Amino acid sequence: MHWQTTGSAKKSNKEVIRLVCNILCHPEFKLDELAKFNAMHKNQKADAADEKSFLQSFQHISIEIDVPSGSPHEASHVFSIPGLYYRPITTLIKQAFESPISLKFHFSPFKLFRKHPNSEDSEHLYSEVYNSDVFLDKHDKVQRTPTGDPTCKCEKVIAALMFWSDATHLATFGTAKMWPVYMLFGNLSKYVRCQPNSGATMHLAYIPPLPDLLQDQLKSFHHKWGTQKKEVITHCRRELMHAVWKFLLDDKFLHTSTYSMVVHCLDGIERQVYPRILTYSADYPKKYVFPSVSLHCHSLPSLGYYLLLFVIRAFVPVCVV
């Protein structure tokens, strides 16, 4: 009992019983394995294993961008930008709906009203994504959408996707930086999403910066590099952003958006999940880095109604609920 009465005062009788019955009396417990035991070393080793597992979940590819030559007599050239680390959106959706965080998901949206105490009037409140008009409209349309498998009778639900990105400096001194893209779910309350340890924020991708070697290549390729350097770099950054999102919104995601995917959720219920992109949040300086351009949806026709495509192409800031 000396262990219980020393150190932390939060060790209850139940903790002592659990230590004795579940650990010390366990048939696989071996006292010899505790020789030279160091809790800090064990925790560092476990953290390193978790970090390695997390990094291994990402795939790595190069993104190609098309850059004009600056001359009407010479064709454009395709440059390869290495270093895009990503995870498929559909994989993250399936992972989230099978994880404990899905127990806090709101699968059925609803309207929220506040009734005035001194009158019969009521006020329509907008507090969460899942009681917004957009979510309700998407949910109603999905219920009338024919499924890929007519025999499937699973509940149809929306995966309300919310994306966020921002260039981040990795050190106070130096130029090292990365550009993460995060994905969250509007099915969760904002009070859960904002909790640092909730696990609600999922790392989707890390957009690579333009390599220094690219400027040397552009200098020898572009006919007007001397007078249009800033415009060419801006064009490359914009095309890189477009190419990254065109890759992330792949054929599998488009197929899932149209026909859904069946996920066995943690509560034991199988559901047909339809991903819908509701918001994309980016800082105001992105309008400077990526100036407005025309909207072209011919490459992603089935996503023409998504707000994300407009945000990426025109880069107008979006207010996230």
C-alpha atoms as a PDB file:
ATOM      1  CA  MET A   1       0.000   0.000   0.000  1.00  0.00           C
ATOM      2  CA  HIS A   2       3.042   2.259   0.142  1.00  0.00           C
ATOM      3  CA  TRP A   3       2.677   2.846  -3.629  1.00  0.00           C
ATOM      4  CA  GLN A   4      -0.867   4.189  -3.155  1.00  0.00           C
ATOM      5  CA  THR A   5       0.004   6.596  -0.371  1.00  0.00           C
ATOM      6  CA  THR A   6       3.043   8.132  -2.095  1.00  0.00           C
ATOM      7  CA  GLY A   7       3.361  10.246  -5.201  1.00  0.00           C
ATOM      8  CA  SER A   8       0.063  11.361  -6.709  1.00  0.00           C
ATOM      9  CA  ALA A   9      -2.920  11.671  -4.381  1.00  0.00           C
ATOM     10  CA  LYS A  10      -5.296  10.521  -7.165  1.00  0.00           C
ATOM     11  CA  LYS A  11      -4.498   6.779  -6.829  1.00  0.00           C
ATOM     12  CA  SER A  12      -7.717   5.250  -5.570  1.00  0.00           C
ATOM     13  CA  ASN A  13      -8.455   1.795  -4.183  1.00  0.00           C
ATOM     14  CA  LYS A  14      -9.752   0.790  -7.628  1.00  0.00           C
ATOM     15  CA  GLU A  15      -6.406   1.732  -9.176  1.00  0.00           C
ATOM     16  CA  VAL A  16      -4.548  -0.431  -6.636  1.00  0.00           C
ATOM     17  CA  ILE A  17      -6.876  -3.374  -7.305  1.00  0.00           C
ATOM     18  CA  ARG A  18      -6.439  -2.937 -11.057  1.00  0.00           C
ATOM     19  CA  LEU A  19      -2.647  -2.863 -10.653  1.00  0.00           C
ATOM     20  CA  VAL A  20      -2.623  -6.094  -8.670  1.00  0.00           C
ATOM     21  CA  CYS A  21      -5.319  -8.061 -10.519  1.00  0.00           C
ATOM     22  CA  ASN A  22      -4.851  -6.927 -14.120  1.00  0.00           C
ATOM     23  CA  ILE A  23      -1.063  -6.488 -14.181  1.00  0.00           C
ATOM     24  CA  LEU A  24       0.889  -8.147 -11.354  1.00  0.00           C
ATOM     25  CA  CYS A  25      -1.301 -11.279 -11.337  1.00  0.00           C
ATOM     26  CA  HIS A  26      -1.508 -11.517 -15.114  1.00  0.00           C
ATOM     27  CA  PRO A  27       0.004 -14.824 -16.371  1.00  0.00           C
ATOM     28  CA  GLU A  28       2.117 -12.982 -18.963  1.00  0.00           C
ATOM     29  CA  PHE A  29       3.609 -10.549 -16.437  1.00  0.00           C
ATOM     30  CA  LYS A  30       7.347 -11.100 -15.931  1.00  0.00           C
ATOM     31  CA  LEU A  31       9.203  -9.180 -13.255  1.00  0.00           C
ATOM     32  CA  ASP A  32      12.545  -9.716 -15.011  1.00  0.00           C
ATOM     33  CA  GLU A  33      11.395  -7.544 -17.948  1.00  0.00           C
ATOM     34  CA  LEU A  34      11.219  -4.517 -15.642  1.00  0.00           C
ATOM     35  CA  ALA A  35      14.979  -4.486 -15.051  1.00  0.00           C
ATOM     36  CA  LYS A  36      16.379  -1.035 -15.892  1.00  0.00           C
ATOM     37  CA  PHE A  37      12.848   0.154 -16.722  1.00  0.00           C
ATOM     38  CA  ASN A  38      12.578   3.834 -17.673  1.00  0.00           C
ATOM     39  CA  ALA A  39       9.108   5.292 -18.288  1.00  0.00           C
ATOM     40  CA  MET A  40      10.454   8.297 -20.219  1.00  0.00           C
ATOM     41  CA  HIS A  41      12.417   6.050 -22.594  1.00  0.00           C
ATOM     42  CA  LYS A  42       9.404   3.782 -23.135  1.00  0.00           C
ATOM     43  CA  ASN A  43       7.147   6.753 -23.896  1.00  0.00           C
ATOM     44  CA  GLN A  44       9.668   8.190 -26.347  1.00  0.00           C
ATOM     45  CA  LYS A  45       9.890   4.827 -28.080  1.00  0.00           C
ATOM     46  CA  ALA A  46       6.092   4.585 -28.301  1.00  0.00           C
ATOM     47  CA  ASP A  47       5.857   8.154 -29.676  1.00  0.00           C
ATOM     48  CA  ALA A  48       8.491   7.358 -32.311  1.00  0.00           C
ATOM     49  CA  ALA A  49       6.547   4.259 -33.360  1.00  0.00           C
ATOM     50  CA  ASP A  50       3.327   6.281 -33.644  1.00  0.00           C
ATOM     51  CA  GLU A  51       5.086   8.972 -35.688  1.00  0.00           C
ATOM     52  CA  LYS A  52       6.563   6.367 -38.035  1.00  0.00           C
ATOM     53  CA  SER A  53       3.158   4.749 -38.488  1.00  0.00           C
ATOM     54  CA  PHE A  54       1.595   8.160 -39.191  1.00  0.00           C
ATOM     55  CA  LEU A  55       4.214   9.055 -41.810  1.00  0.00           C
ATOM     56  CA  GLN A  56       3.853   5.660 -43.489  1.00  0.00           C
ATOM     57  CA  SER A  57       0.140   6.352 -44.019  1.00  0.00           C
ATOM     58  CA  PHE A  58       1.044   9.087 -46.526  1.00  0.00           C
ATOM     59  CA  GLN A  59       1.781   8.492 -50.177  1.00  0.00           C
ATOM     60  CA  HIS A  60       4.296  10.529 -52.132  1.00  0.00           C
ATOM     61  CA  ILE A  61       4.112  11.749 -55.742  1.00  0.00           C
ATOM     62  CA  SER A  62       5.228  14.596 -58.005  1.00  0.00           C
ATOM     63  CA  ILE A  63       2.792  17.122 -59.459  1.00  0.00           C
ATOM     64  CA  GLU A  64       3.096  18.458 -63.005  1.00  0.00           C
ATOM     65  CA  ILE A  65       2.288  22.059 -63.929  1.00  0.00           C
ATOM     66  CA  ASP A  66       2.091  23.666 -67.361  1.00  0.00           C
ATOM     67  CA  VAL A  67       3.993  26.936 -67.876  1.00  0.00           C
ATOM     68  CA  PRO A  68       3.690  29.066 -71.053  1.00  0.00           C
ATOM     69  CA  SER A  69       6.873  30.084 -72.823  1.00  0.00           C
ATOM     70  CA  GLY A  70       6.039  33.792 -73.076  1.00  0.00           C
ATOM     71  CA  SER A  71       6.305  33.588 -76.846  1.00  0.00           C
ATOM     72  CA  PRO A  72       3.484  32.869 -79.350  1.00  0.00           C
ATOM     73  CA  HIS A  73       5.959  30.877 -81.452  1.00  0.00           C
ATOM     74  CA  GLU A  74       6.962  28.381 -78.756  1.00  0.00           C
ATOM     75  CA  ALA A  75       4.788  25.852 -76.954  1.00  0.00           C
ATOM     76  CA  SER A  76       4.366  25.679 -73.208  1.00  0.00           C
ATOM     77  CA  HIS A  77       6.421  23.288 -71.102  1.00  0.00           C
ATOM     78  CA  VAL A  78       5.480  20.878 -68.326  1.00  0.00           C
ATOM     79  CA  PHE A  79       7.522  21.065 -65.124  1.00  0.00           C
ATOM     80  CA  SER A  80       7.484  18.454 -62.373  1.00  0.00           C
ATOM     81  CA  ILE A  81       7.116  19.604 -58.742  1.00  0.00           C
ATOM     82  CA  PRO A  82       8.168  16.827 -56.320  1.00  0.00           C
ATOM     83  CA  GLY A  83       7.140  16.384 -52.724  1.00  0.00           C
ATOM     84  CA  LEU A  84       3.339  16.100 -52.492  1.00  0.00           C
ATOM     85  CA  TYR A  85       2.501  13.938 -49.498  1.00  0.00           C
ATOM     86  CA  TYR A  86      -1.166  12.992 -49.327  1.00  0.00           C
ATOM     87  CA  ARG A  87      -3.780  10.543 -48.114  1.00  0.00           C
ATOM     88  CA  PRO A  88      -6.884   9.741 -50.204  1.00  0.00           C
ATOM     89  CA  ILE A  89      -9.981  11.598 -49.056  1.00  0.00           C
ATOM     90  CA  THR A  90     -12.138   8.455 -49.209  1.00  0.00           C
ATOM     91  CA  THR A  91      -9.685   6.627 -46.951  1.00  0.00           C
ATOM     92  CA  LEU A  92      -9.881   9.372 -44.328  1.00  0.00           C
ATOM     93  CA  ILE A  93     -13.693   9.402 -44.482  1.00  0.00           C
ATOM     94  CA  LYS A  94     -13.861   5.644 -43.931  1.00  0.00           C
ATOM     95  CA  GLN A  95     -11.316   5.902 -41.136  1.00  0.00           C
ATOM     96  CA  ALA A  96     -13.286   8.651 -39.376  1.00  0.00           C
ATOM     97  CA  PHE A  97     -16.654   6.853 -39.618  1.00  0.00           C
ATOM     98  CA  GLU A  98     -15.092   3.706 -38.162  1.00  0.00           C
ATOM     99  CA  SER A  99     -13.320   5.533 -35.321  1.00  0.00           C
ATOM    100  CA  PRO A 100     -14.658   6.513 -31.860  1.00  0.00           C
ATOM    101  CA  ILE A 101     -15.078  10.137 -33.015  1.00  0.00           C
ATOM    102  CA  SER A 102     -18.022   8.987 -35.194  1.00  0.00           C
ATOM    103  CA  LEU A 103     -20.058   8.325 -32.036  1.00  0.00           C
ATOM    104  CA  LYS A 104     -20.347  12.131 -31.770  1.00  0.00           C
ATOM    105  CA  PHE A 105     -21.364  12.601 -35.420  1.00  0.00           C
ATOM    106  CA  HIS A 106     -24.756  14.091 -36.309  1.00  0.00           C
ATOM    107  CA  PHE A 107     -25.997  12.004 -39.233  1.00  0.00           C
ATOM    108  CA  SER A 108     -29.414  13.683 -39.495  1.00  0.00           C
ATOM    109  CA  PRO A 109     -29.409  17.496 -39.800  1.00  0.00           C
ATOM    110  CA  PHE A 110     -32.126  19.549 -38.159  1.00  0.00           C
ATOM    111  CA  LYS A 111     -33.366  23.104 -37.773  1.00  0.00           C
ATOM    112  CA  LEU A 112     -32.915  24.869 -34.475  1.00  0.00           C
ATOM    113  CA  PHE A 113     -35.437  27.430 -33.192  1.00  0.00           C
ATOM    114  CA  ARG A 114     -35.586  29.643 -30.157  1.00  0.00           C
ATOM    115  CA  LYS A 115     -38.993  30.593 -28.841  1.00  0.00           C
ATOM    116  CA  HIS A 116     -39.352  34.012 -27.266  1.00  0.00           C
ATOM    117  CA  PRO A 117     -40.612  33.728 -23.664  1.00  0.00           C
ATOM    118  CA  ASN A 118     -43.111  36.608 -23.934  1.00  0.00           C
ATOM    119  CA  SER A 119     -44.547  35.878 -27.359  1.00  0.00           C
ATOM    120  CA  GLU A 120     -45.424  33.147 -29.823  1.00  0.00           C
ATOM    121  CA  ASP A 121     -42.679  34.192 -32.202  1.00  0.00           C
ATOM    122  CA  SER A 122     -39.713  31.912 -32.785  1.00  0.00           C
ATOM    123  CA  GLU A 123     -36.262  32.661 -34.122  1.00  0.00           C
ATOM    124  CA  HIS A 124     -34.352  30.362 -36.458  1.00  0.00           C
ATOM    125  CA  LEU A 125     -30.876  29.791 -35.022  1.00  0.00           C
ATOM    126  CA  TYR A 126     -27.758  28.857 -36.955  1.00  0.00           C
ATOM    127  CA  SER A 127     -25.259  27.353 -34.564  1.00  0.00           C
ATOM    128  CA  GLU A 128     -23.660  24.345 -36.240  1.00  0.00           C
ATOM    129  CA  VAL A 129     -22.997  23.081 -39.746  1.00  0.00           C
ATOM    130  CA  TYR A 130     -25.524  20.279 -39.274  1.00  0.00           C
ATOM    131  CA  ASN A 131     -28.368  22.750 -38.660  1.00  0.00           C
ATOM    132  CA  SER A 132     -27.523  24.947 -41.627  1.00  0.00           C
ATOM    133  CA  ASP A 133     -29.724  25.218 -44.701  1.00  0.00           C
ATOM    134  CA  VAL A 134     -26.930  23.899 -46.940  1.00  0.00           C
ATOM    135  CA  PHE A 135     -26.546  20.697 -44.941  1.00  0.00           C
ATOM    136  CA  LEU A 136     -30.316  20.170 -44.875  1.00  0.00           C
ATOM    137  CA  ASP A 137     -30.555  20.705 -48.632  1.00  0.00           C
ATOM    138  CA  LYS A 138     -27.705  18.267 -49.359  1.00  0.00           C
ATOM    139  CA  HIS A 139     -29.220  15.696 -47.008  1.00  0.00           C
ATOM    140  CA  ASP A 140     -32.665  15.929 -48.660  1.00  0.00           C
ATOM    141  CA  LYS A 141     -31.188  15.567 -52.151  1.00  0.00           C
ATOM    142  CA  VAL A 142     -29.200  12.496 -51.125  1.00  0.00           C
ATOM    143  CA  GLN A 143     -32.349  10.786 -49.834  1.00  0.00           C
ATOM    144  CA  ARG A 144     -33.833  11.085 -53.351  1.00  0.00           C
ATOM    145  CA  THR A 145     -30.629   9.979 -55.100  1.00  0.00           C
ATOM    146  CA  PRO A 146     -30.679   6.458 -56.596  1.00  0.00           C
ATOM    147  CA  THR A 147     -27.886   4.311 -55.228  1.00  0.00           C
ATOM    148  CA  GLY A 148     -25.359   2.286 -57.173  1.00  0.00           C
ATOM    149  CA  ASP A 149     -26.800  -0.873 -55.600  1.00  0.00           C
ATOM    150  CA  PRO A 150     -30.634  -0.801 -55.718  1.00  0.00           C
ATOM    151  CA  THR A 151     -30.822  -3.641 -53.177  1.00  0.00           C
ATOM    152  CA  CYS A 152     -28.915  -1.667 -50.532  1.00  0.00           C
ATOM    153  CA  LYS A 153     -31.253  -0.429 -47.796  1.00  0.00           C
ATOM    154  CA  CYS A 154     -28.629   1.242 -45.626  1.00  0.00           C
ATOM    155  CA  GLU A 155     -29.237   4.679 -44.178  1.00  0.00           C
ATOM    156  CA  LYS A 156     -28.023   7.501 -46.426  1.00  0.00           C
ATOM    157  CA  VAL A 157     -25.902  10.086 -44.638  1.00  0.00           C
ATOM    158  CA  ILE A 158     -23.752  13.073 -45.564  1.00  0.00           C
ATOM    159  CA  ALA A 159     -20.056  13.378 -44.756  1.00  0.00           C
ATOM    160  CA  ALA A 160     -19.862  17.176 -44.483  1.00  0.00           C
ATOM    161  CA  LEU A 161     -16.260  17.903 -45.439  1.00  0.00           C
ATOM    162  CA  MET A 162     -14.542  21.073 -44.300  1.00  0.00           C
ATOM    163  CA  PHE A 163     -11.065  21.852 -45.624  1.00  0.00           C
ATOM    164  CA  TRP A 164      -8.530  24.281 -44.262  1.00  0.00           C
ATOM    165  CA  SER A 165      -5.026  25.171 -45.408  1.00  0.00           C
ATOM    166  CA  ASP A 166      -2.346  27.670 -44.521  1.00  0.00           C
ATOM    167  CA  ALA A 167       1.389  27.958 -45.212  1.00  0.00           C
ATOM    168  CA  THR A 168       3.236  27.349 -41.946  1.00  0.00           C
ATOM    169  CA  HIS A 169       6.803  28.271 -40.966  1.00  0.00           C
ATOM    170  CA  LEU A 170       8.579  25.445 -39.159  1.00  0.00           C
ATOM    171  CA  ALA A 171      11.167  27.577 -37.375  1.00  0.00           C
ATOM    172  CA  THR A 172      11.438  31.055 -35.927  1.00  0.00           C
ATOM    173  CA  PHE A 173      14.758  31.580 -37.698  1.00  0.00           C
ATOM    174  CA  GLY A 174      15.114  30.252 -41.224  1.00  0.00           C
ATOM    175  CA  THR A 175      12.952  29.721 -44.274  1.00  0.00           C
ATOM    176  CA  ALA A 176      11.776  26.138 -43.674  1.00  0.00           C
ATOM    177  CA  LYS A 177       8.031  25.896 -44.171  1.00  0.00           C
ATOM    178  CA  MET A 178       5.285  23.546 -45.279  1.00  0.00           C
ATOM    179  CA  TRP A 179       1.736  23.919 -46.527  1.00  0.00           C
ATOM    180  CA  PRO A 180      -0.597  21.442 -44.779  1.00  0.00           C
ATOM    181  CA  VAL A 181      -4.169  20.762 -45.859  1.00  0.00           C
ATOM    182  CA  TYR A 182      -6.497  19.669 -43.075  1.00  0.00           C
ATOM    183  CA  MET A 183      -9.891  18.009 -43.284  1.00  0.00           C
ATOM    184  CA  LEU A 184     -12.622  18.249 -40.663  1.00  0.00           C
ATOM    185  CA  PHE A 185     -16.235  17.075 -40.499  1.00  0.00           C
ATOM    186  CA  GLY A 186     -19.237  19.361 -40.199  1.00  0.00           C
ATOM    187  CA  ASN A 187     -21.097  16.406 -38.658  1.00  0.00           C
ATOM    188  CA  LEU A 188     -19.270  17.259 -35.438  1.00  0.00           C
ATOM    189  CA  SER A 189     -20.139  20.088 -33.117  1.00  0.00           C
ATOM    190  CA  LYS A 190     -17.735  23.019 -33.295  1.00  0.00           C
ATOM    191  CA  TYR A 191     -17.159  22.559 -29.570  1.00  0.00           C
ATOM    192  CA  VAL A 192     -15.696  19.107 -30.330  1.00  0.00           C
ATOM    193  CA  ARG A 193     -13.778  20.190 -33.436  1.00  0.00           C
ATOM    194  CA  CYS A 194     -12.028  22.959 -31.507  1.00  0.00           C
ATOM    195  CA  GLN A 195     -10.744  20.682 -28.756  1.00  0.00           C
ATOM    196  CA  PRO A 196      -6.986  20.192 -29.296  1.00  0.00           C
ATOM    197  CA  ASN A 197      -7.043  16.512 -28.290  1.00  0.00           C
ATOM    198  CA  SER A 198     -10.334  15.530 -29.923  1.00  0.00           C
ATOM    199  CA  GLY A 199      -8.699  13.956 -32.987  1.00  0.00           C
ATOM    200  CA  ALA A 200     -11.243  15.726 -35.195  1.00  0.00           C
ATOM    201  CA  THR A 201      -8.651  17.346 -37.482  1.00  0.00           C
ATOM    202  CA  MET A 202      -7.229  15.000 -40.099  1.00  0.00           C
ATOM    203  CA  HIS A 203      -4.053  15.676 -42.070  1.00  0.00           C
ATOM    204  CA  LEU A 204      -4.975  15.319 -45.739  1.00  0.00           C
ATOM    205  CA  ALA A 205      -1.918  16.554 -47.637  1.00  0.00           C
ATOM    206  CA  TYR A 206       1.245  18.626 -47.533  1.00  0.00           C
ATOM    207  CA  ILE A 207       1.548  20.869 -50.582  1.00  0.00           C
ATOM    208  CA  PRO A 208       5.184  21.175 -51.675  1.00  0.00           C
ATOM    209  CA  PRO A 209       6.811  24.576 -52.244  1.00  0.00           C
ATOM    210  CA  LEU A 210       8.232  25.508 -55.617  1.00  0.00           C
ATOM    211  CA  PRO A 211      11.802  24.145 -55.667  1.00  0.00           C
ATOM    212  CA  ASP A 212      14.693  26.590 -56.090  1.00  0.00           C
ATOM    213  CA  LEU A 213      15.800  24.660 -59.164  1.00  0.00           C
ATOM    214  CA  LEU A 214      12.556  25.626 -60.903  1.00  0.00           C
ATOM    215  CA  GLN A 215      13.530  29.296 -61.104  1.00  0.00           C
ATOM    216  CA  ASP A 216      16.762  28.392 -62.857  1.00  0.00           C
ATOM    217  CA  GLN A 217      14.807  26.271 -65.339  1.00  0.00           C
ATOM    218  CA  LEU A 218      12.260  29.030 -65.918  1.00  0.00           C
ATOM    219  CA  LYS A 219      14.979  31.614 -66.394  1.00  0.00           C
ATOM    220  CA  SER A 220      16.413  29.675 -69.324  1.00  0.00           C
ATOM    221  CA  PHE A 221      12.992  28.744 -70.718  1.00  0.00           C
ATOM    222  CA  HIS A 222      10.692  31.773 -70.398  1.00  0.00           C
ATOM    223  CA  HIS A 223      11.306  34.502 -72.987  1.00  0.00           C
ATOM    224  CA  LYS A 224      10.106  37.328 -70.716  1.00  0.00           C
ATOM    225  CA  TRP A 225      11.576  36.137 -67.413  1.00  0.00           C
ATOM    226  CA  GLY A 226      13.453  39.403 -66.893  1.00  0.00           C
ATOM    227  CA  THR A 227      10.293  41.566 -66.904  1.00  0.00           C
ATOM    228  CA  GLN A 228       7.601  39.052 -65.836  1.00  0.00           C
ATOM    229  CA  LYS A 229       9.346  37.046 -63.123  1.00  0.00           C
ATOM    230  CA  LYS A 230       6.732  37.757 -60.439  1.00  0.00           C
ATOM    231  CA  GLU A 231       3.845  36.984 -62.772  1.00  0.00           C
ATOM    232  CA  VAL A 232       5.420  33.679 -63.845  1.00  0.00           C
ATOM    233  CA  ILE A 233       6.043  32.601 -60.233  1.00  0.00           C
ATOM    234  CA  THR A 234       2.465  33.523 -59.336  1.00  0.00           C
ATOM    235  CA  HIS A 235       1.232  31.472 -62.278  1.00  0.00           C
ATOM    236  CA  CYS A 236       3.299  28.472 -61.127  1.00  0.00           C
ATOM    237  CA  ARG A 237       1.974  28.682 -57.572  1.00  0.00           C
ATOM    238  CA  ARG A 238      -1.602  28.951 -58.806  1.00  0.00           C
ATOM    239  CA  GLU A 239      -1.188  26.036 -61.215  1.00  0.00           C
ATOM    240  CA  LEU A 240       0.396  23.968 -58.450  1.00  0.00           C
ATOM    241  CA  MET A 241      -2.626  24.582 -56.202  1.00  0.00           C
ATOM    242  CA  HIS A 242      -5.006  23.657 -59.030  1.00  0.00           C
ATOM    243  CA  ALA A 243      -3.018  20.522 -59.874  1.00  0.00           C
ATOM    244  CA  VAL A 244      -2.904  19.366 -56.250  1.00  0.00           C
ATOM    245  CA  TRP A 245      -6.666  19.674 -55.811  1.00  0.00           C
ATOM    246  CA  LYS A 246      -7.358  18.094 -59.176  1.00  0.00           C
ATOM    247  CA  PHE A 247      -5.295  15.137 -57.981  1.00  0.00           C
ATOM    248  CA  LEU A 248      -6.928  14.976 -54.533  1.00  0.00           C
ATOM    249  CA  LEU A 249     -10.418  15.069 -56.066  1.00  0.00           C
ATOM    250  CA  ASP A 250      -9.672  11.856 -57.947  1.00  0.00           C
ATOM    251  CA  ASP A 251     -11.990   9.457 -59.803  1.00  0.00           C
ATOM    252  CA  LYS A 252     -12.595   7.381 -56.685  1.00  0.00           C
ATOM    253  CA  PHE A 253     -13.761  10.441 -54.773  1.00  0.00           C
ATOM    254  CA  LEU A 254     -16.007  11.493 -57.670  1.00  0.00           C
ATOM    255  CA  HIS A 255     -17.524   8.011 -57.856  1.00  0.00           C
ATOM    256  CA  THR A 256     -18.121   7.982 -54.096  1.00  0.00           C
ATOM    257  CA  SER A 257     -19.716  11.432 -54.263  1.00  0.00           C
ATOM    258  CA  THR A 258     -22.214  10.135 -56.825  1.00  0.00           C
ATOM    259  CA  TYR A 259     -22.856   6.570 -55.662  1.00  0.00           C
ATOM    260  CA  SER A 260     -21.692   6.669 -52.001  1.00  0.00           C
ATOM    261  CA  MET A 261     -19.668   4.073 -50.149  1.00  0.00           C
ATOM    262  CA  VAL A 262     -20.977   1.681 -47.516  1.00  0.00           C
ATOM    263  CA  VAL A 263     -19.160   2.050 -44.192  1.00  0.00           C
ATOM    264  CA  HIS A 264     -19.621  -0.146 -41.124  1.00  0.00           C
ATOM    265  CA  CYS A 265     -19.658   2.544 -38.444  1.00  0.00           C
ATOM    266  CA  LEU A 266     -18.421   2.024 -34.915  1.00  0.00           C
ATOM    267  CA  ASP A 267     -21.975   1.833 -33.556  1.00  0.00           C
ATOM    268  CA  GLY A 268     -22.467  -1.364 -35.582  1.00  0.00           C
ATOM    269  CA  ILE A 269     -24.698   0.202 -38.252  1.00  0.00           C
ATOM    270  CA  GLU A 270     -23.831   0.153 -41.949  1.00  0.00           C
ATOM    271  CA  ARG A 271     -24.459   3.472 -43.688  1.00  0.00           C
ATOM    272  CA  GLN A 272     -24.206   4.798 -47.221  1.00  0.00           C
ATOM    273  CA  VAL A 273     -21.875   7.777 -46.923  1.00  0.00           C
ATOM    274  CA  TYR A 274     -22.017  10.585 -49.493  1.00  0.00           C
ATOM    275  CA  PRO A 275     -19.106  13.059 -49.189  1.00  0.00           C
ATOM    276  CA  ARG A 276     -20.054  16.687 -49.780  1.00  0.00           C
ATOM    277  CA  ILE A 277     -17.597  19.577 -49.610  1.00  0.00           C
ATOM    278  CA  LEU A 278     -19.205  22.437 -47.712  1.00  0.00           C
ATOM    279  CA  THR A 279     -16.362  24.831 -46.891  1.00  0.00           C
ATOM    280  CA  TYR A 280     -12.781  25.635 -47.754  1.00  0.00           C
ATOM    281  CA  SER A 281     -11.089  28.088 -45.420  1.00  0.00           C
ATOM    282  CA  ALA A 282      -7.883  29.942 -46.349  1.00  0.00           C
ATOM    283  CA  ASP A 283      -6.169  33.075 -45.123  1.00  0.00           C
ATOM    284  CA  TYR A 284      -6.687  36.403 -46.837  1.00  0.00           C
ATOM    285  CA  PRO A 285      -3.045  36.597 -48.096  1.00  0.00           C
ATOM    286  CA  LYS A 286      -3.841  33.647 -50.389  1.00  0.00           C
ATOM    287  CA  LYS A 287      -5.727  36.126 -52.586  1.00  0.00           C
ATOM    288  CA  TYR A 288      -2.423  37.864 -53.136  1.00  0.00           C
ATOM    289  CA  VAL A 289      -0.495  34.668 -53.782  1.00  0.00           C
ATOM    290  CA  PHE A 290      -3.204  33.277 -56.053  1.00  0.00           C
ATOM    291  CA  PRO A 291      -5.011  36.106 -57.875  1.00  0.00           C
ATOM    292  CA  SER A 292      -8.457  35.532 -59.293  1.00  0.00           C
ATOM    293  CA  VAL A 293      -8.737  33.563 -62.504  1.00  0.00           C
ATOM    294  CA  SER A 294     -11.613  32.317 -64.583  1.00  0.00           C
ATOM    295  CA  LEU A 295     -13.651  29.347 -63.402  1.00  0.00           C
ATOM    296  CA  HIS A 296     -13.336  26.182 -65.501  1.00  0.00           C
ATOM    297  CA  CYS A 297     -15.244  23.092 -64.361  1.00  0.00           C
ATOM    298  CA  HIS A 298     -15.010  21.009 -67.528  1.00  0.00           C
ATOM    299  CA  SER A 299     -12.357  18.734 -65.990  1.00  0.00           C
ATOM    300  CA  LEU A 300     -14.556  17.993 -62.945  1.00  0.00           C
ATOM    301  CA  PRO A 301     -18.129  18.170 -64.267  1.00  0.00           C
ATOM    302  CA  SER A 302     -19.794  16.287 -61.434  1.00  0.00           C
ATOM    303  CA  LEU A 303     -18.280  18.670 -58.883  1.00  0.00           C
ATOM    304  CA  GLY A 304     -19.507  21.813 -60.573  1.00  0.00           C
ATOM    305  CA  TYR A 305     -21.917  22.540 -57.741  1.00  0.00           C
ATOM    306  CA  TYR A 306     -19.263  22.292 -55.073  1.00  0.00           C
ATOM    307  CA  LEU A 307     -18.253  25.444 -53.327  1.00  0.00           C
ATOM    308  CA  LEU A 308     -14.661  24.224 -53.194  1.00  0.00           C
ATOM    309  CA  LEU A 309     -14.100  24.490 -56.933  1.00  0.00           C
ATOM    310  CA  PHE A 310     -15.157  28.133 -56.884  1.00  0.00           C
ATOM    311  CA  VAL A 311     -12.966  28.856 -53.900  1.00  0.00           C
ATOM    312  CA  ILE A 312      -9.916  27.225 -55.467  1.00  0.00           C
ATOM    313  CA  ARG A 313     -10.375  28.925 -58.834  1.00  0.00           C
ATOM    314  CA  ALA A 314     -11.365  32.375 -57.608  1.00  0.00           C
ATOM    315  CA  PHE A 315      -9.898  32.114 -54.091  1.00  0.00           C
ATOM    316  CA  VAL A 316     -12.578  34.097 -52.345  1.00  0.00           C
ATOM    317  CA  PRO A 317     -12.358  33.642 -48.551  1.00  0.00           C
ATOM    318  CA  VAL A 318     -15.088  31.451 -47.086  1.00  0.00           C
ATOM    319  CA  CYS A 319     -16.581  31.857 -43.652  1.00  0.00           C
ATOM    320  CA  VAL A 320     -16.472  28.579 -41.705  1.00  0.00           C
ATOM    321  CA  VAL A 321     -19.259  27.984 -39.209  1.00  0.00           C
END
